[in-house]
């Protein structure tokens, strides 16, 4: 059901795609004349893609009466069709330029990913953009899928191997037969309506009501655009991961708390520069929460960001109080907005349609934090120097923040609709907040207890 929901929220200007922008040391791929051997990089990526089953499967989209869409190996899968090369235009900012490449929709009639090798970077470097549709993977699975195209060591040589033959895609007749068989089996198991059935229907209605309760309160209107167009801006903030962990340990908060408090600081600076009255604003972010096995995101926290608070440490204390309360509620089994996805398909689709239409009045931005590999990755001897995550925007919510830890680095991308100017102010405000937290921890500061924001 989560996969279906990820298809429902996309539209022409907001394809629901996640991406990783990686910058590599180009030395192993330089030719005698100093040019980059782009064909060889493509071959190395294709060799690795052939070995990853998840990269060779596609969705078989169904028609009325055929049941839900199904996953199947693509008999026409050819990694070379998914890997391209492009040159960074002179004078272009790599993050901004890459964000606008990422937003190009993936074809839905083939495996839902692509990679682009980018030439034209200074300093003997090249970049790779790996784009995966959210239908195929969430943040953690997406990082793992992108990482499967790379090597865990510098000597990770790969040998080309033929693709195993895939069976034909299921036909309409196959899908109809399967749907019929499922319906017959369900009828055989069916019993006359009982008191338990009535209670179940009541529980479903209550589940919808309770799961949407956090979205009843509107957030403040800001100067940020409500309508998301086709263009993007992207800014990147980096900070040493070990320093953030030490800071969090000293102050008694998590790295995610530090991130959210820094986002509040950056958002405050951005909106003040645009003339917004931040001291009277109520702004809310949606944050995936890992409650399932393997750390996969299976819940959603809604956190009111204290942008009205001038003091960075008090902002951090407020964030910590709110996330602690929200996590306790979530882990205790209280409903959250992601529970809508577990309802029957018609009800779930209605719930998603409502959130798609009105979500921008209840949520101002999205923030996600994904743990990445703690040790360096390589591509045929070329070290991955930087890894930047890019999360999708959705219609009516034109601001998104994604963080990724990789080999001791904590990289945060801030993505916005292309009409948003001053995104560098957001990034600078985040960087100043991280520095303020570090300095406070080094000076022996302690957070004061605060109440949660109502």
Protein backbone atom coordinates (compact mmCIF):
# COMPACT_ATOMS: atom_id res chain seq x y z
CA UNK A 1 0.00 0.00 0.00
CA UNK A 2 2.86 2.41 0.76
CA UNK A 3 4.09 1.89 -2.81
CA UNK A 4 0.69 2.79 -4.24
CA UNK A 5 0.56 5.91 -2.09
CA UNK A 6 3.92 7.03 -3.44
CA UNK A 7 2.47 6.85 -6.94
CA UNK A 8 -0.69 8.72 -5.94
CA UNK A 9 1.10 11.82 -4.61
CA UNK A 10 3.14 12.51 -7.77
CA UNK A 11 2.24 14.92 -10.53
CA UNK A 12 3.94 16.50 -13.54
CA UNK A 13 5.91 19.11 -11.56
CA UNK A 14 6.49 16.99 -8.45
CA UNK A 15 7.54 13.46 -9.44
CA UNK A 16 8.01 11.51 -6.23
CA UNK A 17 11.68 10.69 -6.79
CA UNK A 18 14.60 10.52 -4.38
CA UNK A 19 18.19 10.98 -5.46
CA UNK A 20 21.81 10.81 -4.42
CA UNK A 21 24.31 13.30 -5.82
CA UNK A 22 27.81 11.85 -5.50
CA UNK A 23 31.10 13.58 -6.24
CA UNK A 24 34.06 11.29 -7.02
CA UNK A 25 37.83 11.51 -7.37
CA UNK A 26 38.31 11.26 -11.14
CA UNK A 27 41.98 10.18 -11.09
CA UNK A 28 41.36 6.46 -11.87
CA UNK A 29 39.25 7.41 -14.90
CA UNK A 30 41.51 10.06 -16.46
CA UNK A 31 42.88 9.40 -19.95
CA UNK A 32 46.40 10.32 -21.07
CA UNK A 33 45.20 13.71 -22.31
CA UNK A 34 43.48 14.49 -18.99
CA UNK A 35 39.95 13.87 -20.31
CA UNK A 36 37.46 11.80 -18.35
CA UNK A 37 36.80 8.30 -19.68
CA UNK A 38 33.01 8.56 -19.65
CA UNK A 39 32.33 5.30 -21.57
CA UNK A 40 34.32 3.34 -19.01
CA UNK A 41 32.41 4.89 -16.08
CA UNK A 42 29.15 3.96 -17.78
CA UNK A 43 30.38 0.39 -18.28
CA UNK A 44 31.39 0.09 -14.62
CA UNK A 45 27.97 1.28 -13.47
CA UNK A 46 26.19 -1.05 -15.90
CA UNK A 47 28.20 -4.07 -14.71
CA UNK A 48 27.12 -3.40 -11.15
CA UNK A 49 23.49 -2.71 -12.10
CA UNK A 50 23.23 -6.14 -13.75
CA UNK A 51 23.98 -7.79 -10.41
CA UNK A 52 21.22 -6.00 -8.44
CA UNK A 53 17.84 -7.67 -8.76
CA UNK A 54 15.98 -4.60 -7.47
CA UNK A 55 17.28 -2.51 -10.36
CA UNK A 56 15.88 -4.90 -12.97
CA UNK A 57 12.26 -5.06 -11.83
CA UNK A 58 9.40 -2.81 -12.85
CA UNK A 59 5.80 -2.14 -11.95
CA UNK A 60 3.10 -3.70 -14.09
CA UNK A 61 0.41 -1.05 -13.95
CA UNK A 62 -3.06 -2.56 -13.96
CA UNK A 63 -6.35 -1.48 -15.48
CA UNK A 64 -9.83 -1.55 -14.02
CA UNK A 65 -10.69 -5.04 -12.84
CA UNK A 66 -7.10 -6.33 -12.87
CA UNK A 67 -6.34 -5.63 -9.22
CA UNK A 68 -3.43 -3.75 -7.74
CA UNK A 69 -0.22 -3.06 -9.68
CA UNK A 70 2.39 -5.79 -9.28
CA UNK A 71 6.18 -5.98 -9.34
CA UNK A 72 7.85 -8.19 -11.94
CA UNK A 73 11.34 -8.63 -13.44
CA UNK A 74 11.55 -6.64 -16.67
CA UNK A 75 12.39 -9.00 -19.57
CA UNK A 76 13.54 -5.96 -21.58
CA UNK A 77 15.86 -4.62 -18.84
CA UNK A 78 19.07 -3.15 -20.22
CA UNK A 79 21.21 -1.15 -17.74
CA UNK A 80 22.67 0.93 -20.57
CA UNK A 81 19.24 2.47 -21.16
CA UNK A 82 19.29 3.80 -17.59
CA UNK A 83 22.79 5.32 -17.55
CA UNK A 84 23.66 8.51 -19.39
CA UNK A 85 26.41 11.12 -19.52
CA UNK A 86 26.18 14.91 -19.46
CA UNK A 87 28.51 17.88 -19.02
CA UNK A 88 27.97 20.50 -16.34
CA UNK A 89 27.41 23.83 -18.17
CA UNK A 90 30.21 26.35 -17.55
CA UNK A 91 29.50 28.59 -14.58
CA UNK A 92 26.67 26.39 -13.27
CA UNK A 93 26.19 25.64 -9.59
CA UNK A 94 26.29 21.85 -9.30
CA UNK A 95 23.57 21.43 -6.61
CA UNK A 96 21.07 23.77 -8.36
CA UNK A 97 21.78 22.22 -11.75
CA UNK A 98 21.55 18.66 -10.40
CA UNK A 99 18.24 19.36 -8.65
CA UNK A 100 16.72 20.31 -11.99
CA UNK A 101 18.05 17.11 -13.60
CA UNK A 102 16.64 15.02 -10.75
CA UNK A 103 13.11 16.39 -11.17
CA UNK A 104 12.78 15.01 -14.73
CA UNK A 105 10.18 12.22 -14.42
CA UNK A 106 11.26 8.61 -14.76
CA UNK A 107 9.46 6.53 -17.43
CA UNK A 108 6.92 4.34 -15.64
CA UNK A 109 7.12 1.49 -18.18
CA UNK A 110 10.60 0.35 -17.15
CA UNK A 111 12.59 -0.10 -13.90
CA UNK A 112 12.20 3.11 -11.91
CA UNK A 113 15.74 4.47 -11.72
CA UNK A 114 18.42 6.21 -13.75
CA UNK A 115 22.02 7.35 -13.32
CA UNK A 116 23.83 10.25 -14.98
CA UNK A 117 27.60 10.70 -15.08
CA UNK A 118 28.53 14.40 -14.99
CA UNK A 119 31.70 15.72 -16.57
CA UNK A 120 33.00 19.28 -16.43
CA UNK A 121 33.65 19.59 -12.69
CA UNK A 122 36.83 21.38 -11.53
CA UNK A 123 39.66 19.74 -9.61
CA UNK A 124 39.81 16.32 -11.29
CA UNK A 125 36.39 15.27 -10.07
CA UNK A 126 33.23 13.92 -11.63
CA UNK A 127 29.72 13.45 -10.30
CA UNK A 128 26.99 10.85 -10.58
CA UNK A 129 23.29 11.46 -9.99
CA UNK A 130 21.33 8.34 -9.06
CA UNK A 131 17.56 8.85 -9.16
CA UNK A 132 15.07 6.30 -7.78
CA UNK A 133 11.29 6.59 -7.71
CA UNK A 134 9.83 6.50 -4.21
CA UNK A 135 7.58 3.67 -5.40
CA UNK A 136 10.73 1.52 -5.64
CA UNK A 137 12.38 2.57 -2.38
CA UNK A 138 12.09 4.86 0.63
CA UNK A 139 15.03 6.89 1.93
CA UNK A 140 17.00 4.07 3.58
CA UNK A 141 16.26 1.53 0.87
CA UNK A 142 17.06 4.17 -1.75
CA UNK A 143 20.47 4.82 -0.24
CA UNK A 144 21.10 1.07 -0.17
CA UNK A 145 19.97 0.72 -3.79
CA UNK A 146 22.23 3.57 -4.91
CA UNK A 147 25.06 2.13 -2.85
CA UNK A 148 24.69 -1.21 -4.64
CA UNK A 149 26.16 0.49 -7.73
CA UNK A 150 29.36 1.22 -5.77
CA UNK A 151 32.09 -0.83 -4.10
CA UNK A 152 33.02 -1.18 -0.40
CA UNK A 153 36.75 -0.95 -1.19
CA UNK A 154 39.11 0.64 -3.70
CA UNK A 155 39.89 -2.69 -5.37
CA UNK A 156 36.27 -3.68 -6.01
CA UNK A 157 36.74 -4.99 -9.54
CA UNK A 158 33.58 -6.35 -11.15
CA UNK A 159 33.30 -8.81 -14.02
CA UNK A 160 30.58 -8.39 -16.62
CA UNK A 161 27.96 -11.11 -16.55
CA UNK A 162 24.95 -11.79 -18.77
CA UNK A 163 21.56 -10.89 -17.37
CA UNK A 164 19.46 -13.90 -16.35
CA UNK A 165 16.44 -14.41 -18.56
CA UNK A 166 13.28 -12.95 -17.06
CA UNK A 167 9.83 -14.47 -17.70
CA UNK A 168 7.31 -12.49 -19.73
CA UNK A 169 5.35 -9.82 -17.88
CA UNK A 170 1.95 -11.00 -16.62
CA UNK A 171 -0.72 -10.49 -19.24
CA UNK A 172 -4.14 -8.96 -18.69
CA UNK A 173 -5.55 -12.48 -18.70
CA UNK A 174 -3.06 -13.51 -15.99
CA UNK A 175 -4.01 -10.52 -13.85
CA UNK A 176 -7.74 -11.08 -14.28
CA UNK A 177 -7.38 -14.79 -13.44
CA UNK A 178 -5.37 -13.98 -10.33
CA UNK A 179 -7.95 -11.39 -9.25
CA UNK A 180 -10.77 -13.89 -9.84
CA UNK A 181 -8.99 -16.58 -7.83
CA UNK A 182 -8.44 -14.20 -4.94
CA UNK A 183 -12.07 -13.10 -5.02
CA UNK A 184 -13.31 -16.72 -5.01
CA UNK A 185 -11.03 -17.57 -2.09
CA UNK A 186 -12.27 -14.51 -0.20
CA UNK A 187 -15.92 -15.49 -0.79
CA UNK A 188 -15.26 -18.99 0.52
CA UNK A 189 -13.80 -17.52 3.69
CA UNK A 190 -16.57 -14.92 4.02
CA UNK A 191 -19.11 -15.15 6.84
CA UNK A 192 -22.32 -13.25 7.45
CA UNK A 193 -21.79 -9.82 9.03
CA UNK A 194 -21.17 -10.14 12.73
CA UNK A 195 -20.80 -7.89 15.72
CA UNK A 196 -17.04 -8.09 15.18
CA UNK A 197 -17.46 -6.82 11.61
CA UNK A 198 -19.50 -3.86 12.80
CA UNK A 199 -16.86 -3.09 15.42
CA UNK A 200 -14.17 -3.34 12.76
CA UNK A 201 -15.97 -0.79 10.58
CA UNK A 202 -16.28 1.53 13.56
CA UNK A 203 -12.58 1.06 14.29
CA UNK A 204 -11.74 1.98 10.68
CA UNK A 205 -13.77 5.17 10.94
CA UNK A 206 -12.06 6.01 14.22
CA UNK A 207 -8.68 5.22 12.72
CA UNK A 208 -9.26 7.72 9.93
CA UNK A 209 -10.41 10.33 12.43
CA UNK A 210 -7.54 9.78 14.87
CA UNK A 211 -4.85 9.48 12.21
CA UNK A 212 -5.82 12.84 10.74
CA UNK A 213 -6.21 14.63 14.07
CA UNK A 214 -2.70 16.08 13.91
CA UNK A 215 -3.59 17.74 10.62
CA UNK A 216 -6.65 19.61 11.84
CA UNK A 217 -4.72 22.70 12.93
CA UNK A 218 -3.68 25.00 10.13
CA UNK A 219 -0.16 26.36 10.00
CA UNK A 220 0.78 29.98 9.35
CA UNK A 221 0.72 31.37 5.84
CA UNK A 222 4.21 32.33 4.65
CA UNK A 223 5.63 34.13 1.63
CA UNK A 224 6.88 30.81 0.24
CA UNK A 225 5.03 29.69 -2.90
CA UNK A 226 2.05 27.41 -2.42
CA UNK A 227 2.20 26.08 -5.97
CA UNK A 228 5.28 24.02 -6.84
CA UNK A 229 6.50 24.52 -10.39
CA UNK A 230 8.95 22.54 -12.52
CA UNK A 231 12.15 24.34 -11.44
CA UNK A 232 14.28 23.75 -8.34
CA UNK A 233 16.92 25.37 -6.16
CA UNK A 234 19.24 23.36 -3.91
CA UNK A 235 21.66 24.43 -1.18
CA UNK A 236 23.96 22.12 0.79
CA UNK A 237 25.24 22.32 4.38
CA UNK A 238 27.97 20.01 5.70
CA UNK A 239 29.13 19.33 9.24
CA UNK A 240 31.41 16.69 10.82
CA UNK A 241 29.22 13.86 12.07
CA UNK A 242 31.36 13.00 15.11
CA UNK A 243 31.19 16.61 16.25
CA UNK A 244 27.39 16.57 16.02
CA UNK A 245 27.25 13.32 17.99
CA UNK A 246 29.48 14.73 20.73
CA UNK A 247 27.41 17.88 20.85
CA UNK A 248 24.18 15.92 21.08
CA UNK A 249 25.58 13.66 23.81
CA UNK A 250 26.74 16.64 25.86
CA UNK A 251 23.44 18.49 25.51
CA UNK A 252 21.30 15.38 25.96
CA UNK A 253 19.63 15.44 22.53
CA UNK A 254 19.76 13.42 19.33
CA UNK A 255 21.42 14.35 16.06
CA UNK A 256 17.92 14.56 14.61
CA UNK A 257 16.99 17.12 17.28
CA UNK A 258 20.05 19.15 16.32
CA UNK A 259 18.99 18.94 12.67
CA UNK A 260 15.41 20.07 13.34
CA UNK A 261 16.55 22.94 15.57
CA UNK A 262 19.04 24.02 12.89
CA UNK A 263 16.27 23.86 10.28
CA UNK A 264 14.18 26.13 12.51
CA UNK A 265 17.09 28.58 12.65
CA UNK A 266 17.60 28.50 8.90
CA UNK A 267 13.89 28.88 8.23
CA UNK A 268 13.72 31.84 10.59
CA UNK A 269 16.53 33.61 8.70
CA UNK A 270 15.01 32.87 5.29
CA UNK A 271 11.52 34.06 6.18
CA UNK A 272 12.74 37.20 7.96
CA UNK A 273 14.66 38.15 4.82
CA UNK A 274 11.39 37.80 2.87
CA UNK A 275 9.50 40.11 5.22
CA UNK A 276 7.54 37.45 7.12
CA UNK A 277 6.60 38.08 10.75
CA UNK A 278 8.37 35.01 12.11
CA UNK A 279 7.72 35.96 15.74
CA UNK A 280 4.03 35.12 15.37
CA UNK A 281 4.28 32.09 13.10
CA UNK A 282 3.33 28.46 13.67
CA UNK A 283 5.28 26.28 11.23
CA UNK A 284 5.17 22.51 11.09
CA UNK A 285 7.35 19.84 9.53
CA UNK A 286 6.71 16.20 8.75
CA UNK A 287 9.50 13.82 9.84
CA UNK A 288 9.68 10.08 9.05
CA UNK A 289 10.17 7.97 12.16
CA UNK A 290 11.86 4.57 12.25
CA UNK A 291 9.68 2.23 14.29
CA UNK A 292 9.93 -0.92 12.20
CA UNK A 293 12.54 -3.61 11.78
CA UNK A 294 15.86 -2.58 10.28
CA UNK A 295 15.28 1.08 11.07
CA UNK A 296 12.83 1.51 8.19
CA UNK A 297 10.54 4.52 8.41
CA UNK A 298 7.08 3.31 9.37
CA UNK A 299 5.60 6.33 11.10
CA UNK A 300 5.39 10.08 10.77
CA UNK A 301 6.15 12.71 13.40
CA UNK A 302 4.61 16.16 13.01
CA UNK A 303 6.79 18.73 14.76
CA UNK A 304 6.03 22.42 15.22
CA UNK A 305 9.29 24.26 14.56
CA UNK A 306 9.98 27.07 17.06
CA UNK A 307 10.96 29.69 14.47
CA UNK A 308 9.62 32.44 16.76
CA UNK A 309 12.33 31.67 19.32
CA UNK A 310 15.43 33.85 18.91
CA UNK A 311 17.77 31.85 21.15
CA UNK A 312 19.31 28.76 19.45
CA UNK A 313 19.57 26.73 22.68
CA UNK A 314 15.98 27.39 23.62
CA UNK A 315 14.95 26.40 20.07
CA UNK A 316 16.83 23.14 20.59
CA UNK A 317 15.17 22.56 23.98
CA UNK A 318 11.72 23.12 22.47
CA UNK A 319 12.44 20.73 19.60
CA UNK A 320 13.74 18.07 21.98
CA UNK A 321 10.64 18.36 24.17
CA UNK A 322 8.32 18.02 21.17
CA UNK A 323 10.13 15.09 19.53
CA UNK A 324 10.35 13.25 22.86
CA UNK A 325 6.59 13.58 23.36
CA UNK A 326 5.80 12.67 19.75
CA UNK A 327 8.05 9.60 19.78
CA UNK A 328 6.60 8.38 23.07
CA UNK A 329 3.12 8.69 21.59
CA UNK A 330 4.11 6.93 18.36
CA UNK A 331 5.95 4.07 20.03
CA UNK A 332 2.99 3.55 22.37
CA UNK A 333 0.91 2.72 19.31
CA UNK A 334 -1.03 5.96 18.98
CA UNK A 335 -2.35 6.61 15.46
CA UNK A 336 -0.39 8.86 13.13
CA UNK A 337 -1.04 10.12 9.61
CA UNK A 338 0.77 7.16 8.02
CA UNK A 339 -1.98 4.87 9.38
CA UNK A 340 -4.17 6.11 6.55
CA UNK A 341 -2.09 3.92 4.23
CA UNK A 342 -3.21 0.76 6.02
CA UNK A 343 -6.89 1.33 5.37
CA UNK A 344 -8.74 -0.36 2.48
CA UNK A 345 -7.59 1.03 -0.86
CA UNK A 346 -10.62 3.27 -1.58
CA UNK A 347 -10.42 4.88 1.88
CA UNK A 348 -6.64 5.18 1.71
CA UNK A 349 -6.83 6.86 -1.67
CA UNK A 350 -9.42 9.33 -0.40
CA UNK A 351 -7.18 10.11 2.57
CA UNK A 352 -4.17 10.68 0.34
CA UNK A 353 -6.22 12.89 -1.98
CA UNK A 354 -7.25 15.02 0.98
CA UNK A 355 -3.66 15.33 2.23
CA UNK A 356 -2.44 16.15 -1.27
CA UNK A 357 -4.99 18.94 -1.62
CA UNK A 358 -4.86 20.42 1.87
CA UNK A 359 -1.49 19.24 3.20
CA UNK A 360 0.16 22.57 2.36
CA UNK A 361 -2.07 24.31 4.90
CA UNK A 362 -1.08 21.81 7.64
CA UNK A 363 2.60 21.18 6.83
CA UNK A 364 5.14 23.80 5.71
CA UNK A 365 8.08 21.57 4.86
CA UNK A 366 9.47 18.05 5.04
CA UNK A 367 12.62 16.99 6.90
CA UNK A 368 14.20 13.54 6.62
CA UNK A 369 17.43 12.15 8.10
CA UNK A 370 18.86 8.91 6.64
CA UNK A 371 21.89 7.07 8.05
CA UNK A 372 24.35 6.19 5.31
CA UNK A 373 27.47 4.02 5.18
CA UNK A 374 30.04 4.90 7.87
CA UNK A 375 32.99 3.98 5.65
CA UNK A 376 33.95 5.27 2.17
CA UNK A 377 32.48 3.84 -1.03
CA UNK A 378 34.25 3.56 -4.39
CA UNK A 379 33.53 3.08 -8.07
CA UNK A 380 36.24 0.96 -9.70
CA UNK A 381 38.92 2.66 -7.59
CA UNK A 382 37.40 6.17 -7.68
CA UNK A 383 36.51 7.25 -4.15
CA UNK A 384 33.13 8.79 -3.42
CA UNK A 385 34.19 12.09 -1.85
CA UNK A 386 30.80 13.67 -1.15
CA UNK A 387 27.28 12.27 -0.97
CA UNK A 388 24.27 14.60 -0.96
CA UNK A 389 20.70 13.29 -0.57
CA UNK A 390 17.81 14.96 -2.39
CA UNK A 391 14.26 14.23 -1.24
CA UNK A 392 11.20 15.01 -3.37
CA UNK A 393 8.87 17.96 -3.01
CA UNK A 394 5.12 17.49 -3.12
CA UNK A 395 2.52 19.84 -4.48
CA UNK A 396 1.69 22.76 -2.14
CA UNK A 397 4.77 22.09 0.04
CA UNK A 398 7.65 23.76 -1.76
CA UNK A 399 10.46 23.23 0.75
CA UNK A 400 12.25 20.01 1.71
CA UNK A 401 15.30 19.14 3.79
CA UNK A 402 17.20 15.84 3.53
CA UNK A 403 20.20 14.77 5.61
CA UNK A 404 22.60 11.88 5.06
CA UNK A 405 25.57 10.67 7.07
CA UNK A 406 28.43 9.26 5.02
CA UNK A 407 32.00 8.38 6.05
CA UNK A 408 32.06 10.86 8.93
CA UNK A 409 30.31 13.67 7.04
CA UNK A 410 26.78 14.94 7.69
CA UNK A 411 25.38 16.49 4.51
CA UNK A 412 22.08 18.37 4.50
CA UNK A 413 20.34 19.47 1.31
CA UNK A 414 17.73 22.22 1.33
CA UNK A 415 15.52 22.05 -1.76
CA UNK A 416 12.93 24.62 -2.78
CA UNK A 417 10.72 25.59 -5.66
CA UNK A 418 12.72 27.50 -8.27
CA UNK A 419 10.99 30.79 -7.47
CA UNK A 420 12.37 30.84 -3.90
CA UNK A 421 15.29 33.26 -3.65
CA UNK A 422 17.72 33.49 -0.74
CA UNK A 423 18.05 29.77 -0.13
CA UNK A 424 21.67 30.43 0.84
CA UNK A 425 20.31 32.33 3.87
CA UNK A 426 18.55 29.15 4.98
CA UNK A 427 21.79 27.17 4.61
CA UNK A 428 23.85 29.84 6.42
CA UNK A 429 21.31 29.92 9.26
CA UNK A 430 21.55 26.16 9.65
CA UNK A 431 25.36 26.30 9.70
CA UNK A 432 25.31 29.03 12.36
CA UNK A 433 22.91 26.97 14.46
CA UNK A 434 25.18 23.90 14.32
CA UNK A 435 28.12 26.10 15.35
CA UNK A 436 26.09 27.62 18.21
CA UNK A 437 25.19 24.16 19.51
CA UNK A 438 28.83 23.03 19.30
CA UNK A 439 30.07 26.10 21.15
CA UNK A 440 27.40 25.76 23.83
CA UNK A 441 28.34 22.12 24.41
CA UNK A 442 32.06 23.01 24.56
CA UNK A 443 31.28 25.72 27.13
CA UNK A 444 29.43 23.24 29.33
CA UNK A 445 25.94 24.59 28.69
CA UNK A 446 22.88 22.56 29.62
CA UNK A 447 19.42 22.74 28.13
CA UNK A 448 16.70 24.15 30.33
CA UNK A 449 13.53 22.12 30.65
CA UNK A 450 10.67 23.54 28.62
CA UNK A 451 7.07 22.62 27.97
CA UNK A 452 5.95 21.45 24.57
CA UNK A 453 4.26 23.86 22.24
CA UNK A 454 0.50 23.40 22.23
